Amino acid sequence: MDIDLHHHARLSVAPMMDWTDRHCRYFHRLLSHEVLLYTEMVTAQAVIHGDRDRLLGMDRAEHPVALQLGGSDPALLAKAVRVAADYGYDEINLNVGCPSDRVQAGTFGAVLMEAPDRVAACVAAMREASPVEVTVKCRIGVDDQDPETVLPDFLARVSDAGVTRFAIHARKAWLEGLSPRENRDIPPLDYPLVRRMKSAFPHLHISVNGGIDSLDQTAEHLASGLDGVMIGRAAYHRPAEILLPADARVFGQAATPDIGAVVHAMADYAGAHIAGGGRLHHVTRHMLGLFTGQPGARQWRRILSTGATAADAGPALLIEALGAVQAAGDMAVSA
């Protein structure tokens, strides 16, 4: 069945290193049937030479889901895309936004904002090798570049190579002087520039990323004419707040998943993971913020944080933690 990625990209969860692994994505999919999910960034070299099942394996329930690749060699990226094709991702995304030293040393990520022709060559090779859509996630510029000049030139050159969908992190990346964490907060956001890019390139599907932490903000960006919104840390740390109502508020669906049913489904999933040789905390570490802002959130976090790493920890711990939340909610109501 064909998936309308332009529809699902109205709201997406950003690719986040060490966070958006397959367990996180399965959890997020239970919270929203509609949002577009992304993997962590995986380098082309790792795909070609590494443990492919560990790096690329996913559950069919995760769809729609995109694989984000890192690299700057068109031939290697094309080879990685051909390898990934067997895993059934709905989209392949090229990272042109990560500012980490390790990524810079590999001459990919945000540093590629300085090499739009190379990016164009990369995506052209990827598109030729890919059975699915190839997209780009980028910054508005790096270091002393003028985003007003650099970003439209970048979009023009890369779209000429066939890319029609971009996610733009509305901050510059400073490749020297700021850590990757600081690059997520310190450079000022320029949402109006991203909106101007949509006006200048009306045929492109443009999502905005960076500093967005609510569905109210999401609605404002969509109302401004942008095609999509990509949320990162807020969706991870406050998943119920962002993702549970998303299908109704962003996609017009009638039903909102039941949070208790989500926990029970994750307990079943964790049980299968443990039976396959995994550990409970591989799954539960992504769920600590599920009840943030609600009665019982502290008990939920405490039970999972202290218990999930035990050698004999099993899915019953999730049900125990859910019971503590429900008891705290009852006490809050009666009070």
Protein backbone atom coordinates (compact mmCIF):
# COMPACT_ATOMS: atom_id res chain seq x y z
CA MET A 1 0.00 0.00 0.00
CA ASP A 2 1.35 3.40 -0.99
CA ILE A 3 2.03 5.83 1.85
CA ASP A 4 1.39 9.55 1.31
CA LEU A 5 4.51 10.98 2.92
CA HIS A 6 3.44 14.57 2.21
CA HIS A 7 0.44 13.88 4.43
CA HIS A 8 2.40 12.22 7.23
CA ALA A 9 5.16 14.86 7.12
CA ARG A 10 2.69 17.46 8.43
CA LEU A 11 4.21 16.35 11.74
CA SER A 12 7.35 14.30 12.18
CA VAL A 13 9.63 13.27 15.03
CA ALA A 14 13.18 14.39 14.31
CA PRO A 15 16.07 11.95 13.98
CA MET A 16 17.98 12.07 17.28
CA MET A 17 21.21 10.22 17.98
CA ASP A 18 20.98 7.67 20.81
CA TRP A 19 17.24 8.31 21.12
CA THR A 20 15.16 7.43 18.07
CA ASP A 21 16.16 3.77 17.87
CA ARG A 22 13.74 1.01 16.90
CA HIS A 23 12.32 0.68 20.43
CA CYS A 24 11.64 4.40 20.65
CA ARG A 25 9.99 4.40 17.23
CA TYR A 26 7.74 1.46 18.12
CA PHE A 27 6.67 3.32 21.27
CA HIS A 28 6.04 6.55 19.39
CA ARG A 29 4.01 4.72 16.76
CA LEU A 30 1.65 3.43 19.45
CA LEU A 31 1.07 7.04 20.51
CA SER A 32 0.40 8.30 16.98
CA HIS A 33 -0.58 6.35 13.89
CA GLU A 34 0.02 9.32 11.59
CA VAL A 35 3.28 11.13 12.42
CA LEU A 36 6.32 10.42 10.28
CA LEU A 37 9.14 8.81 12.28
CA TYR A 38 12.89 9.00 11.61
CA THR A 39 15.75 6.74 12.58
CA GLU A 40 18.89 7.95 14.23
CA MET A 41 21.47 9.09 11.69
CA VAL A 42 23.42 6.11 10.34
CA THR A 43 26.55 6.71 8.29
CA ALA A 44 26.83 5.21 4.84
CA GLN A 45 30.07 3.52 5.86
CA ALA A 46 28.35 1.84 8.82
CA VAL A 47 25.53 0.57 6.63
CA ILE A 48 27.97 -0.89 4.14
CA HIS A 49 30.46 -2.41 6.59
CA GLY A 50 28.58 -2.77 9.90
CA ASP A 51 25.93 -4.98 11.45
CA ARG A 52 23.10 -4.22 9.07
CA ASP A 53 20.32 -5.87 11.02
CA ARG A 54 21.29 -3.98 14.17
CA LEU A 55 21.59 -0.66 12.34
CA LEU A 56 18.65 -0.95 9.97
CA GLY A 57 16.29 -3.49 11.51
CA MET A 58 12.80 -2.28 12.29
CA ASP A 59 9.32 -3.53 13.02
CA ARG A 60 6.68 -3.28 10.29
CA ALA A 61 4.48 -1.46 12.80
CA GLU A 62 6.80 1.55 12.63
CA HIS A 63 5.60 2.69 9.19
CA PRO A 64 5.66 5.39 7.99
CA VAL A 65 9.35 5.59 8.87
CA ALA A 66 12.37 7.22 7.24
CA LEU A 67 16.02 6.25 7.37
CA GLN A 68 18.46 9.12 7.85
CA LEU A 69 21.90 8.62 6.31
CA GLY A 70 25.09 10.56 6.87
CA GLY A 71 27.80 10.82 4.25
CA SER A 72 29.30 12.94 1.50
CA ASP A 73 30.47 10.39 -1.08
CA PRO A 74 27.82 9.87 -3.78
CA ALA A 75 28.98 6.34 -4.60
CA LEU A 76 29.01 5.22 -0.95
CA LEU A 77 25.63 6.80 -0.27
CA ALA A 78 24.16 5.08 -3.31
CA LYS A 79 25.56 1.76 -2.13
CA ALA A 80 24.11 2.32 1.36
CA VAL A 81 20.73 3.14 -0.18
CA ARG A 82 20.76 -0.11 -2.13
CA VAL A 83 21.55 -2.04 1.05
CA ALA A 84 18.79 -0.24 2.96
CA ALA A 85 16.23 -0.96 0.24
CA ASP A 86 15.82 -4.51 1.55
CA TYR A 87 14.60 -3.17 4.90
CA GLY A 88 11.59 -1.36 3.49
CA TYR A 89 11.97 2.23 4.67
CA ASP A 90 9.46 4.68 3.25
CA GLU A 91 11.98 7.50 2.76
CA ILE A 92 15.73 8.05 2.74
CA ASN A 93 16.90 11.34 4.27
CA LEU A 94 20.35 12.90 3.92
CA ASN A 95 21.72 14.67 7.00
CA VAL A 96 23.03 18.14 6.17
CA GLY A 97 22.52 19.54 9.65
CA CYS A 98 24.52 17.72 12.32
CA PRO A 99 27.33 19.92 13.71
CA SER A 100 29.27 17.36 15.80
CA ASP A 101 33.07 17.17 15.55
CA ARG A 102 32.90 13.51 14.52
CA VAL A 103 30.53 14.33 11.68
CA GLN A 104 32.65 17.29 10.58
CA ALA A 105 35.72 15.06 10.53
CA GLY A 106 33.87 12.86 8.08
CA THR A 107 33.03 15.93 5.97
CA PHE A 108 29.30 15.48 6.20
CA GLY A 109 26.42 16.84 8.23
CA ALA A 110 26.15 20.62 8.57
CA VAL A 111 29.51 21.27 6.93
CA LEU A 112 27.86 20.26 3.65
CA MET A 113 25.93 23.54 3.74
CA GLU A 114 29.20 24.89 2.33
CA ALA A 115 29.11 22.42 -0.57
CA PRO A 116 25.67 22.47 -2.21
CA ASP A 117 26.98 20.99 -5.45
CA ARG A 118 28.31 17.98 -3.56
CA VAL A 119 24.95 17.59 -1.82
CA ALA A 120 23.27 17.73 -5.22
CA ALA A 121 25.60 15.00 -6.51
CA CYS A 122 24.90 12.89 -3.42
CA VAL A 123 21.14 13.10 -3.68
CA ALA A 124 21.21 12.47 -7.43
CA ALA A 125 23.14 9.25 -6.82
CA MET A 126 20.85 8.29 -3.94
CA ARG A 127 17.72 8.90 -6.01
CA GLU A 128 19.06 6.74 -8.81
CA ALA A 129 19.67 3.92 -6.32
CA SER A 130 16.53 4.39 -4.23
CA PRO A 131 13.09 2.88 -4.77
CA VAL A 132 11.64 5.49 -2.39
CA GLU A 133 11.75 9.27 -2.00
CA VAL A 134 15.05 10.94 -1.05
CA THR A 135 14.81 14.04 1.16
CA VAL A 136 17.21 16.42 2.92
CA LYS A 137 17.38 17.82 6.45
CA CYS A 138 19.53 20.94 6.60
CA ARG A 139 20.36 24.11 8.54
CA ILE A 140 19.84 27.69 7.34
CA GLY A 141 23.61 28.07 7.11
CA VAL A 142 26.86 27.64 9.03
CA ASP A 143 29.37 29.97 10.69
CA ASP A 144 29.62 33.32 8.90
CA GLN A 145 27.41 32.39 5.97
CA ASP A 146 24.53 34.75 5.21
CA PRO A 147 21.41 32.54 5.38
CA GLU A 148 19.43 34.94 3.20
CA THR A 149 21.84 34.13 0.36
CA VAL A 150 23.02 30.64 1.23
CA LEU A 151 19.73 28.91 1.95
CA PRO A 152 17.88 29.78 -1.29
CA ASP A 153 20.97 28.88 -3.31
CA PHE A 154 21.23 25.56 -1.46
CA LEU A 155 17.55 24.75 -2.01
CA ALA A 156 17.74 25.65 -5.68
CA ARG A 157 20.78 23.50 -6.39
CA VAL A 158 19.62 20.49 -4.41
CA SER A 159 16.06 20.62 -5.72
CA ASP A 160 17.46 20.75 -9.25
CA ALA A 161 18.92 17.31 -8.45
CA GLY A 162 15.40 16.03 -7.78
CA VAL A 163 14.72 16.59 -4.07
CA THR A 164 11.26 18.03 -3.46
CA ARG A 165 10.99 17.74 0.33
CA PHE A 166 13.22 19.49 2.87
CA ALA A 167 13.21 19.75 6.66
CA ILE A 168 14.96 22.95 7.67
CA HIS A 169 16.37 23.48 11.16
CA ALA A 170 15.80 27.22 11.50
CA ARG A 171 19.18 27.89 13.13
CA LYS A 172 22.68 28.33 11.85
CA ALA A 173 25.21 25.74 12.96
CA TRP A 174 28.46 27.06 14.38
CA LEU A 175 31.07 24.46 13.49
CA GLU A 176 33.67 25.94 15.83
CA GLY A 177 33.07 27.39 19.26
CA LEU A 178 29.78 25.66 20.07
CA SER A 179 29.10 22.08 21.10
CA PRO A 180 26.37 20.07 19.35
CA ARG A 181 24.16 20.65 22.38
CA GLU A 182 24.79 24.40 22.30
CA ASN A 183 24.04 24.38 18.57
CA ARG A 184 20.52 23.24 19.44
CA ASP A 185 19.86 26.28 21.63
CA ILE A 186 22.22 29.21 21.21
CA PRO A 187 22.07 30.29 17.55
CA PRO A 188 18.89 32.34 17.12
CA LEU A 189 15.91 30.81 15.38
CA ASP A 190 14.75 32.37 12.12
CA TYR A 191 11.32 30.98 11.35
CA PRO A 192 10.44 33.89 9.02
CA LEU A 193 13.35 32.90 6.75
CA VAL A 194 11.98 29.37 6.46
CA ARG A 195 8.55 30.78 5.60
CA ARG A 196 10.15 32.97 2.94
CA MET A 197 11.74 29.88 1.45
CA LYS A 198 8.30 28.32 1.09
CA SER A 199 7.13 31.44 -0.71
CA ALA A 200 10.20 31.43 -2.95
CA PHE A 201 9.91 27.70 -3.71
CA PRO A 202 6.17 26.98 -3.61
CA HIS A 203 6.66 23.65 -5.41
CA LEU A 204 8.82 22.30 -2.57
CA HIS A 205 7.44 20.60 0.55
CA ILE A 206 9.13 22.40 3.45
CA SER A 207 9.00 21.41 7.11
CA VAL A 208 10.40 23.58 9.87
CA ASN A 209 12.46 22.22 12.77
CA GLY A 210 14.08 23.75 15.83
CA GLY A 211 12.71 25.02 19.13
CA ILE A 212 9.16 23.78 18.56
CA ASP A 213 7.74 22.24 21.71
CA SER A 214 3.94 22.19 21.44
CA LEU A 215 1.08 21.38 19.13
CA ASP A 216 -0.06 24.99 19.43
CA GLN A 217 3.21 26.08 17.83
CA THR A 218 2.80 23.32 15.26
CA ALA A 219 -0.61 24.68 14.30
CA GLU A 220 0.82 28.20 13.97
CA HIS A 221 3.57 27.05 11.61
CA LEU A 222 1.16 25.06 9.48
CA ALA A 223 -1.24 28.01 9.36
CA SER A 224 1.65 30.22 8.16
CA GLY A 225 1.87 28.20 4.96
CA LEU A 226 4.59 25.70 5.83
CA ASP A 227 3.91 22.13 4.81
CA GLY A 228 5.16 20.38 7.92
CA VAL A 229 6.68 20.62 11.37
CA MET A 230 9.43 18.44 12.79
CA ILE A 231 9.65 18.18 16.59
CA GLY A 232 12.60 16.67 18.41
CA ARG A 233 13.27 16.83 22.13
CA ALA A 234 9.75 17.79 23.18
CA ALA A 235 8.33 14.71 21.48
CA TYR A 236 10.92 12.55 23.22
CA HIS A 237 10.68 14.01 26.71
CA ARG A 238 6.91 14.67 26.67
CA PRO A 239 5.60 12.05 24.25
CA ALA A 240 2.04 11.87 25.57
CA GLU A 241 1.63 15.64 25.43
CA ILE A 242 2.91 15.91 21.86
CA LEU A 243 2.04 12.61 20.18
CA LEU A 244 -1.14 11.33 21.82
CA PRO A 245 -3.31 14.26 20.60
CA ALA A 246 -1.43 14.67 17.30
CA ASP A 247 -3.63 12.41 15.20
CA ALA A 248 -6.69 14.41 16.16
CA ARG A 249 -5.21 17.92 16.19
CA VAL A 250 -2.83 17.74 13.24
CA PHE A 251 -4.33 15.03 11.04
CA GLY A 252 -8.05 15.34 11.79
CA GLN A 253 -8.46 11.80 13.05
CA ALA A 254 -11.28 11.15 15.51
CA ALA A 255 -9.64 8.79 17.98
CA THR A 256 -6.85 9.37 20.51
CA PRO A 257 -4.97 6.26 21.69
CA ASP A 258 -5.52 5.17 25.30
CA ILE A 259 -2.35 5.68 27.31
CA GLY A 260 -2.96 2.62 29.49
CA ALA A 261 -3.37 0.47 26.39
CA VAL A 262 -0.08 1.87 25.09
CA VAL A 263 1.72 0.78 28.27
CA HIS A 264 0.24 -2.73 28.04
CA ALA A 265 1.27 -2.96 24.38
CA MET A 266 4.79 -1.87 25.29
CA ALA A 267 4.89 -4.50 28.03
CA ASP A 268 4.12 -7.14 25.37
CA TYR A 269 6.76 -5.64 23.10
CA ALA A 270 9.33 -5.59 25.92
CA GLY A 271 8.57 -9.21 26.70
CA ALA A 272 9.33 -10.20 23.12
CA HIS A 273 12.52 -8.14 23.17
CA ILE A 274 13.68 -9.83 26.39
CA ALA A 275 12.82 -13.25 24.99
CA GLY A 276 15.12 -12.43 22.08
CA GLY A 277 18.03 -11.68 24.40
CA GLY A 278 17.42 -7.99 25.07
CA ARG A 279 17.04 -6.09 28.34
CA LEU A 280 14.03 -4.24 29.68
CA HIS A 281 15.83 -0.92 29.99
CA HIS A 282 16.55 -0.91 26.24
CA VAL A 283 12.81 -0.27 25.88
CA THR A 284 11.82 1.60 29.03
CA ARG A 285 14.53 4.25 28.81
CA HIS A 286 12.46 5.86 26.04
CA MET A 287 9.29 5.83 28.13
CA LEU A 288 10.38 7.74 31.23
CA GLY A 289 8.62 10.95 30.18
CA LEU A 290 5.30 9.33 29.30
CA PHE A 291 3.43 10.80 32.26
CA THR A 292 5.31 14.09 32.56
CA GLY A 293 3.09 16.73 34.15
CA GLN A 294 0.55 14.20 35.41
CA PRO A 295 -0.05 12.80 38.90
CA GLY A 296 2.16 9.77 39.42
CA ALA A 297 4.87 10.87 36.97
CA ARG A 298 7.54 10.74 39.67
CA GLN A 299 6.54 7.22 40.74
CA TRP A 300 6.54 6.08 37.11
CA ARG A 301 10.05 7.37 36.53
CA ARG A 302 11.36 6.03 39.83
CA ILE A 303 10.03 2.51 39.33
CA LEU A 304 11.35 2.25 35.79
CA SER A 305 14.66 4.00 36.46
CA THR A 306 15.56 1.88 39.47
CA GLY A 307 14.07 -1.42 38.37
CA ALA A 308 14.51 -1.78 34.62
CA THR A 309 18.28 -2.31 34.73
CA ALA A 310 18.06 -5.33 37.04
CA ALA A 311 19.18 -8.53 35.37
CA ASP A 312 15.82 -10.21 35.95
CA ALA A 313 13.65 -7.17 35.11
CA GLY A 314 10.64 -8.09 33.02
CA PRO A 315 7.56 -6.50 31.46
CA ALA A 316 5.61 -6.80 34.72
CA LEU A 317 7.59 -3.77 35.91
CA LEU A 318 5.76 -1.62 33.36
CA ILE A 319 2.42 -2.79 34.68
CA GLU A 320 3.55 -2.10 38.24
CA ALA A 321 4.61 1.42 37.25
CA LEU A 322 1.29 2.01 35.49
CA GLY A 323 -0.54 0.91 38.64
CA ALA A 324 1.40 3.47 40.66
CA VAL A 325 0.38 6.19 38.22
CA GLN A 326 -3.27 5.14 38.33
CA ALA A 327 -3.22 5.09 42.15
CA ALA A 328 -1.68 8.57 42.26
CA GLY A 329 -4.33 9.81 39.83
CA ASP A 330 -7.11 8.41 42.00
CA MET A 331 -5.62 10.15 45.05
CA ALA A 332 -5.36 13.42 43.13
CA VAL A 333 -9.01 13.20 42.09
CA SER A 334 -10.23 12.35 45.61
CA ALA A 335 -8.16 15.13 47.11
